Amino acid sequence: MPAYNSIFNEEASPQLIGNFPLLPLRTRTRGPAYVLPTSTTPAHLSPEPDNESYDALDEVLSLFRANTFFRNFEIQGPADRLLIYGILWVSECLGKIRPQMSAREAQKEVQNIALDTNFAIPGDAAFPLNQMFQPPSTRQEAEVLRQYLGQVRQELAQRLLARIYFDEESGAAGDKPSKWWLSFTKRKFMGKSL
């Protein structure tokens, strides 16, 4: 059984930097991404895929647990590259959260790494997936890609924390992380990490 690919591969000619897509996002974080309309869906859930507010980050969170089990991933379009990067970023965030952490401690820890602007982008020697990603062609493109990835990292961190710290029993935000999410802390998608 192959890994799940992105439904956004069918999107007509997204803006690309190298071969990394700059897809629209539902976010309040400043950055170069086109902003989708906000959703009335609670923070711990994603809108339905046919909703205009559904974005690639919702897809990353919904496919994370299924795709994490795969060591191979066939790229079928540019949106798959964002899916790969997002899954690796979620894995890194989960690695920072411990079972005994309160929501506030986890938010502080995860937001610190999300706000860090010193991270590798495609083309940098430290970027682990350079064989799958083309580097930006100009310095200006590299800066736009860094801003976009920073926006993706911050938004994914916020949405992930909302899901991990949602208490199903009370139907509200809890103070203990979900053991179902933390069980994926040690798994590495494609054997890689950011």
C-alpha atoms as a PDB file:
ATOM      1  CA  MET A   1       0.000   0.000   0.000  1.00  0.00           C
ATOM      2  CA  PRO A   2       1.509   3.351  -0.987  1.00  0.00           C
ATOM      3  CA  ALA A   3       1.615   6.426   1.220  1.00  0.00           C
ATOM      4  CA  TYR A   4      -1.142   9.031   0.938  1.00  0.00           C
ATOM      5  CA  ASN A   5      -0.397  11.869  -1.464  1.00  0.00           C
ATOM      6  CA  SER A   6      -1.670  15.429  -1.354  1.00  0.00           C
ATOM      7  CA  ILE A   7      -4.994  16.390  -2.910  1.00  0.00           C
ATOM      8  CA  PHE A   8      -3.412  19.773  -3.658  1.00  0.00           C
ATOM      9  CA  ASN A   9      -1.265  18.210  -6.408  1.00  0.00           C
ATOM     10  CA  GLU A  10      -4.241  18.823  -8.670  1.00  0.00           C
ATOM     11  CA  GLU A  11      -4.117  22.564  -7.960  1.00  0.00           C
ATOM     12  CA  ALA A  12      -3.620  24.515 -11.170  1.00  0.00           C
ATOM     13  CA  SER A  13      -0.111  25.981 -11.424  1.00  0.00           C
ATOM     14  CA  PRO A  14       0.769  26.978  -7.832  1.00  0.00           C
ATOM     15  CA  GLN A  15       3.558  29.498  -7.343  1.00  0.00           C
ATOM     16  CA  LEU A  16       6.833  27.571  -7.053  1.00  0.00           C
ATOM     17  CA  ILE A  17      10.220  28.434  -5.612  1.00  0.00           C
ATOM     18  CA  GLY A  18      12.587  25.787  -6.893  1.00  0.00           C
ATOM     19  CA  ASN A  19      10.032  22.986  -6.884  1.00  0.00           C
ATOM     20  CA  PHE A  20       8.476  23.884  -3.502  1.00  0.00           C
ATOM     21  CA  PRO A  21       4.889  25.220  -3.759  1.00  0.00           C
ATOM     22  CA  LEU A  22       3.675  28.368  -2.015  1.00  0.00           C
ATOM     23  CA  LEU A  23       0.115  27.192  -1.408  1.00  0.00           C
ATOM     24  CA  PRO A  24      -2.586  29.360   0.227  1.00  0.00           C
ATOM     25  CA  LEU A  25      -2.951  28.940   4.005  1.00  0.00           C
ATOM     26  CA  ARG A  26      -5.667  29.618   6.568  1.00  0.00           C
ATOM     27  CA  THR A  27      -3.545  31.609   8.973  1.00  0.00           C
ATOM     28  CA  ARG A  28      -3.185  34.790  10.972  1.00  0.00           C
ATOM     29  CA  THR A  29       0.608  34.512  10.965  1.00  0.00           C
ATOM     30  CA  ARG A  30       2.306  37.128   8.814  1.00  0.00           C
ATOM     31  CA  GLY A  31       4.093  35.888   5.739  1.00  0.00           C
ATOM     32  CA  PRO A  32       4.008  35.620   1.945  1.00  0.00           C
ATOM     33  CA  ALA A  33       1.214  33.011   1.736  1.00  0.00           C
ATOM     34  CA  TYR A  34      -2.153  33.930   0.262  1.00  0.00           C
ATOM     35  CA  VAL A  35      -4.619  33.826   3.181  1.00  0.00           C
ATOM     36  CA  LEU A  36      -7.722  31.627   2.937  1.00  0.00           C
ATOM     37  CA  PRO A  37     -10.968  32.555   4.706  1.00  0.00           C
ATOM     38  CA  THR A  38     -11.193  31.578   8.361  1.00  0.00           C
ATOM     39  CA  SER A  39     -13.229  28.570   9.367  1.00  0.00           C
ATOM     40  CA  THR A  40     -15.905  28.183  12.012  1.00  0.00           C
ATOM     41  CA  THR A  41     -14.497  24.731  12.818  1.00  0.00           C
ATOM     42  CA  PRO A  42     -13.032  24.429  16.348  1.00  0.00           C
ATOM     43  CA  ALA A  43      -9.221  24.765  16.610  1.00  0.00           C
ATOM     44  CA  HIS A  44      -8.680  21.070  17.348  1.00  0.00           C
ATOM     45  CA  LEU A  45     -10.462  19.982  14.145  1.00  0.00           C
ATOM     46  CA  SER A  46      -9.939  20.571  10.425  1.00  0.00           C
ATOM     47  CA  PRO A  47     -12.626  21.694   7.990  1.00  0.00           C
ATOM     48  CA  GLU A  48     -13.841  19.143   5.458  1.00  0.00           C
ATOM     49  CA  PRO A  49     -11.582  18.797   2.377  1.00  0.00           C
ATOM     50  CA  ASP A  50     -14.227  20.322   0.101  1.00  0.00           C
ATOM     51  CA  ASN A  51     -14.500  23.431   2.315  1.00  0.00           C
ATOM     52  CA  GLU A  52     -12.866  26.605   0.938  1.00  0.00           C
ATOM     53  CA  SER A  53     -10.964  26.998   4.238  1.00  0.00           C
ATOM     54  CA  TYR A  54      -9.305  23.553   4.008  1.00  0.00           C
ATOM     55  CA  ASP A  55      -5.590  24.034   3.374  1.00  0.00           C
ATOM     56  CA  ALA A  56      -2.419  21.972   2.985  1.00  0.00           C
ATOM     57  CA  LEU A  57      -1.665  22.234   6.719  1.00  0.00           C
ATOM     58  CA  ASP A  58      -4.993  20.597   7.574  1.00  0.00           C
ATOM     59  CA  GLU A  59      -3.962  17.832   5.212  1.00  0.00           C
ATOM     60  CA  VAL A  60      -0.549  17.493   6.885  1.00  0.00           C
ATOM     61  CA  LEU A  61      -2.189  17.006  10.278  1.00  0.00           C
ATOM     62  CA  SER A  62      -4.810  14.583   8.983  1.00  0.00           C
ATOM     63  CA  LEU A  63      -2.283  12.432   7.050  1.00  0.00           C
ATOM     64  CA  PHE A  64       0.561  12.639   9.585  1.00  0.00           C
ATOM     65  CA  ARG A  65      -0.238   9.506  11.555  1.00  0.00           C
ATOM     66  CA  ALA A  66      -0.953   7.366   8.480  1.00  0.00           C
ATOM     67  CA  ASN A  67       2.065   8.513   6.460  1.00  0.00           C
ATOM     68  CA  THR A  68       4.512   8.296   9.360  1.00  0.00           C
ATOM     69  CA  PHE A  69       4.578   4.512   8.972  1.00  0.00           C
ATOM     70  CA  PHE A  70       6.025   4.711   5.455  1.00  0.00           C
ATOM     71  CA  ARG A  71       9.738   4.667   4.708  1.00  0.00           C
ATOM     72  CA  ASN A  72       9.219   5.503   1.035  1.00  0.00           C
ATOM     73  CA  PHE A  73       7.140   8.244  -0.503  1.00  0.00           C
ATOM     74  CA  GLU A  74       6.544   8.751  -4.214  1.00  0.00           C
ATOM     75  CA  ILE A  75       6.262  12.455  -5.049  1.00  0.00           C
ATOM     76  CA  GLN A  76       3.420  12.949  -7.519  1.00  0.00           C
ATOM     77  CA  GLY A  77       3.361  16.746  -7.570  1.00  0.00           C
ATOM     78  CA  PRO A  78       4.666  19.899  -5.904  1.00  0.00           C
ATOM     79  CA  ALA A  79       2.148  19.792  -3.018  1.00  0.00           C
ATOM     80  CA  ASP A  80       3.682  16.488  -1.904  1.00  0.00           C
ATOM     81  CA  ARG A  81       6.859  18.372  -1.054  1.00  0.00           C
ATOM     82  CA  LEU A  82       4.931  20.609   1.342  1.00  0.00           C
ATOM     83  CA  LEU A  83       3.283  17.480   2.776  1.00  0.00           C
ATOM     84  CA  ILE A  84       6.709  15.877   3.367  1.00  0.00           C
ATOM     85  CA  TYR A  85       8.106  19.023   4.974  1.00  0.00           C
ATOM     86  CA  GLY A  86       5.001  19.429   7.141  1.00  0.00           C
ATOM     87  CA  ILE A  87       5.117  15.828   8.374  1.00  0.00           C
ATOM     88  CA  LEU A  88       8.793  16.172   9.275  1.00  0.00           C
ATOM     89  CA  TRP A  89       8.054  19.439  11.085  1.00  0.00           C
ATOM     90  CA  VAL A  90       5.203  17.869  13.074  1.00  0.00           C
ATOM     91  CA  SER A  91       7.579  15.040  14.062  1.00  0.00           C
ATOM     92  CA  GLU A  92      10.095  17.585  15.311  1.00  0.00           C
ATOM     93  CA  CYS A  93       7.417  19.389  17.342  1.00  0.00           C
ATOM     94  CA  LEU A  94       6.207  16.126  18.868  1.00  0.00           C
ATOM     95  CA  GLY A  95       9.787  15.370  19.892  1.00  0.00           C
ATOM     96  CA  LYS A  96       9.780  18.490  22.073  1.00  0.00           C
ATOM     97  CA  ILE A  97       6.598  17.563  23.964  1.00  0.00           C
ATOM     98  CA  ARG A  98       6.897  15.274  26.982  1.00  0.00           C
ATOM     99  CA  PRO A  99       3.973  13.324  28.521  1.00  0.00           C
ATOM    100  CA  GLN A 100       4.099  15.303  31.785  1.00  0.00           C
ATOM    101  CA  MET A 101       4.238  18.748  30.126  1.00  0.00           C
ATOM    102  CA  SER A 102       1.388  21.155  30.695  1.00  0.00           C
ATOM    103  CA  ALA A 103      -0.155  22.888  27.715  1.00  0.00           C
ATOM    104  CA  ARG A 104       1.617  26.126  28.617  1.00  0.00           C
ATOM    105  CA  GLU A 105       5.049  24.484  28.874  1.00  0.00           C
ATOM    106  CA  ALA A 106       4.543  22.663  25.579  1.00  0.00           C
ATOM    107  CA  GLN A 107       3.383  25.843  23.872  1.00  0.00           C
ATOM    108  CA  LYS A 108       6.476  27.673  25.079  1.00  0.00           C
ATOM    109  CA  GLU A 109       8.787  24.874  23.928  1.00  0.00           C
ATOM    110  CA  VAL A 110       7.182  24.389  20.525  1.00  0.00           C
ATOM    111  CA  GLN A 111       6.732  28.111  19.818  1.00  0.00           C
ATOM    112  CA  ASN A 112      10.438  28.672  20.564  1.00  0.00           C
ATOM    113  CA  ILE A 113      11.478  26.322  17.775  1.00  0.00           C
ATOM    114  CA  ALA A 114       8.692  27.555  15.473  1.00  0.00           C
ATOM    115  CA  LEU A 115       9.784  31.184  15.827  1.00  0.00           C
ATOM    116  CA  ASP A 116      13.459  30.386  15.295  1.00  0.00           C
ATOM    117  CA  THR A 117      14.426  31.827  11.899  1.00  0.00           C
ATOM    118  CA  ASN A 118      17.728  29.972  11.718  1.00  0.00           C
ATOM    119  CA  PHE A 119      16.549  26.803   9.962  1.00  0.00           C
ATOM    120  CA  ALA A 120      17.739  25.085   6.793  1.00  0.00           C
ATOM    121  CA  ILE A 121      15.833  25.536   3.537  1.00  0.00           C
ATOM    122  CA  PRO A 122      16.230  23.584   0.276  1.00  0.00           C
ATOM    123  CA  GLY A 123      19.688  24.223  -1.113  1.00  0.00           C
ATOM    124  CA  ASP A 124      21.347  24.660   2.300  1.00  0.00           C
ATOM    125  CA  ALA A 125      23.921  21.995   3.176  1.00  0.00           C
ATOM    126  CA  ALA A 126      22.051  21.167   6.419  1.00  0.00           C
ATOM    127  CA  PHE A 127      18.701  20.551   4.692  1.00  0.00           C
ATOM    128  CA  PRO A 128      18.051  16.772   4.887  1.00  0.00           C
ATOM    129  CA  LEU A 129      15.978  16.452   1.689  1.00  0.00           C
ATOM    130  CA  ASN A 130      18.110  18.244  -0.892  1.00  0.00           C
ATOM    131  CA  GLN A 131      17.884  15.256  -3.267  1.00  0.00           C
ATOM    132  CA  MET A 132      14.081  15.825  -3.551  1.00  0.00           C
ATOM    133  CA  PHE A 133      13.999  19.635  -3.506  1.00  0.00           C
ATOM    134  CA  GLN A 134      15.482  22.132  -5.925  1.00  0.00           C
ATOM    135  CA  PRO A 135      17.152  25.158  -4.354  1.00  0.00           C
ATOM    136  CA  PRO A 136      15.771  28.676  -4.938  1.00  0.00           C
ATOM    137  CA  SER A 137      17.391  30.323  -7.955  1.00  0.00           C
ATOM    138  CA  THR A 138      17.974  33.756  -6.376  1.00  0.00           C
ATOM    139  CA  ARG A 139      18.679  35.158  -2.948  1.00  0.00           C
ATOM    140  CA  GLN A 140      15.320  36.970  -3.007  1.00  0.00           C
ATOM    141  CA  GLU A 141      13.485  33.688  -3.712  1.00  0.00           C
ATOM    142  CA  ALA A 142      15.408  32.050  -0.867  1.00  0.00           C
ATOM    143  CA  GLU A 143      14.221  34.770   1.519  1.00  0.00           C
ATOM    144  CA  VAL A 144      10.583  34.404   0.395  1.00  0.00           C
ATOM    145  CA  LEU A 145      10.835  30.623   0.848  1.00  0.00           C
ATOM    146  CA  ARG A 146      12.316  31.075   4.336  1.00  0.00           C
ATOM    147  CA  GLN A 147       9.431  33.422   5.250  1.00  0.00           C
ATOM    148  CA  TYR A 148       6.856  30.985   3.852  1.00  0.00           C
ATOM    149  CA  LEU A 149       8.363  28.015   5.694  1.00  0.00           C
ATOM    150  CA  GLY A 150       8.471  30.107   8.879  1.00  0.00           C
ATOM    151  CA  GLN A 151       4.779  30.844   8.408  1.00  0.00           C
ATOM    152  CA  VAL A 152       4.063  27.132   7.829  1.00  0.00           C
ATOM    153  CA  ARG A 153       6.060  26.147  10.923  1.00  0.00           C
ATOM    154  CA  GLN A 154       4.276  28.635  13.194  1.00  0.00           C
ATOM    155  CA  GLU A 155       0.789  27.782  11.955  1.00  0.00           C
ATOM    156  CA  LEU A 156       1.373  24.021  12.094  1.00  0.00           C
ATOM    157  CA  ALA A 157       2.743  24.337  15.643  1.00  0.00           C
ATOM    158  CA  GLN A 158      -0.389  26.208  16.777  1.00  0.00           C
ATOM    159  CA  ARG A 159      -2.782  23.715  15.169  1.00  0.00           C
ATOM    160  CA  LEU A 160      -0.825  20.722  16.452  1.00  0.00           C
ATOM    161  CA  LEU A 161      -0.879  21.992  20.032  1.00  0.00           C
ATOM    162  CA  ALA A 162      -4.645  22.588  19.795  1.00  0.00           C
ATOM    163  CA  ARG A 163      -5.094  18.943  18.783  1.00  0.00           C
ATOM    164  CA  ILE A 164      -2.649  17.420  21.256  1.00  0.00           C
ATOM    165  CA  TYR A 165      -4.080  19.274  24.237  1.00  0.00           C
ATOM    166  CA  PHE A 166      -7.765  18.774  23.459  1.00  0.00           C
ATOM    167  CA  ASP A 167      -9.522  16.676  26.107  1.00  0.00           C
ATOM    168  CA  GLU A 168     -12.102  14.428  24.408  1.00  0.00           C
ATOM    169  CA  GLU A 169     -13.956  13.705  27.651  1.00  0.00           C
ATOM    170  CA  SER A 170     -14.574  17.282  28.704  1.00  0.00           C
ATOM    171  CA  GLY A 171     -14.816  18.619  25.148  1.00  0.00           C
ATOM    172  CA  ALA A 172     -12.432  21.479  25.965  1.00  0.00           C
ATOM    173  CA  ALA A 173      -8.717  22.218  26.018  1.00  0.00           C
ATOM    174  CA  GLY A 174      -6.962  20.037  28.560  1.00  0.00           C
ATOM    175  CA  ASP A 175      -3.641  20.207  30.354  1.00  0.00           C
ATOM    176  CA  LYS A 176      -2.366  16.724  29.503  1.00  0.00           C
ATOM    177  CA  PRO A 177      -1.106  15.814  26.027  1.00  0.00           C
ATOM    178  CA  SER A 178      -2.892  13.126  24.045  1.00  0.00           C
ATOM    179  CA  LYS A 179      -1.128   9.795  24.354  1.00  0.00           C
ATOM    180  CA  TRP A 180      -2.352   8.954  20.849  1.00  0.00           C
ATOM    181  CA  TRP A 181      -0.343  11.806  19.374  1.00  0.00           C
ATOM    182  CA  LEU A 182       2.695  11.283  21.606  1.00  0.00           C
ATOM    183  CA  SER A 183       2.911   7.636  20.567  1.00  0.00           C
ATOM    184  CA  PHE A 184       4.332   8.928  17.260  1.00  0.00           C
ATOM    185  CA  THR A 185       7.250  10.775  18.887  1.00  0.00           C
ATOM    186  CA  LYS A 186       9.855   8.169  18.062  1.00  0.00           C
ATOM    187  CA  ARG A 187       8.656   7.415  14.518  1.00  0.00           C
ATOM    188  CA  LYS A 188      10.570   8.965  11.643  1.00  0.00           C
ATOM    189  CA  PHE A 189       8.826   9.534   8.332  1.00  0.00           C
ATOM    190  CA  MET A 190      11.103   8.223   5.548  1.00  0.00           C
ATOM    191  CA  GLY A 191      13.784   7.755   8.221  1.00  0.00           C
ATOM    192  CA  LYS A 192      14.481  11.514   8.156  1.00  0.00           C
ATOM    193  CA  SER A 193      14.215  14.475  10.501  1.00  0.00           C
ATOM    194  CA  LEU A 194      14.583  18.244  10.031  1.00  0.00           C
END
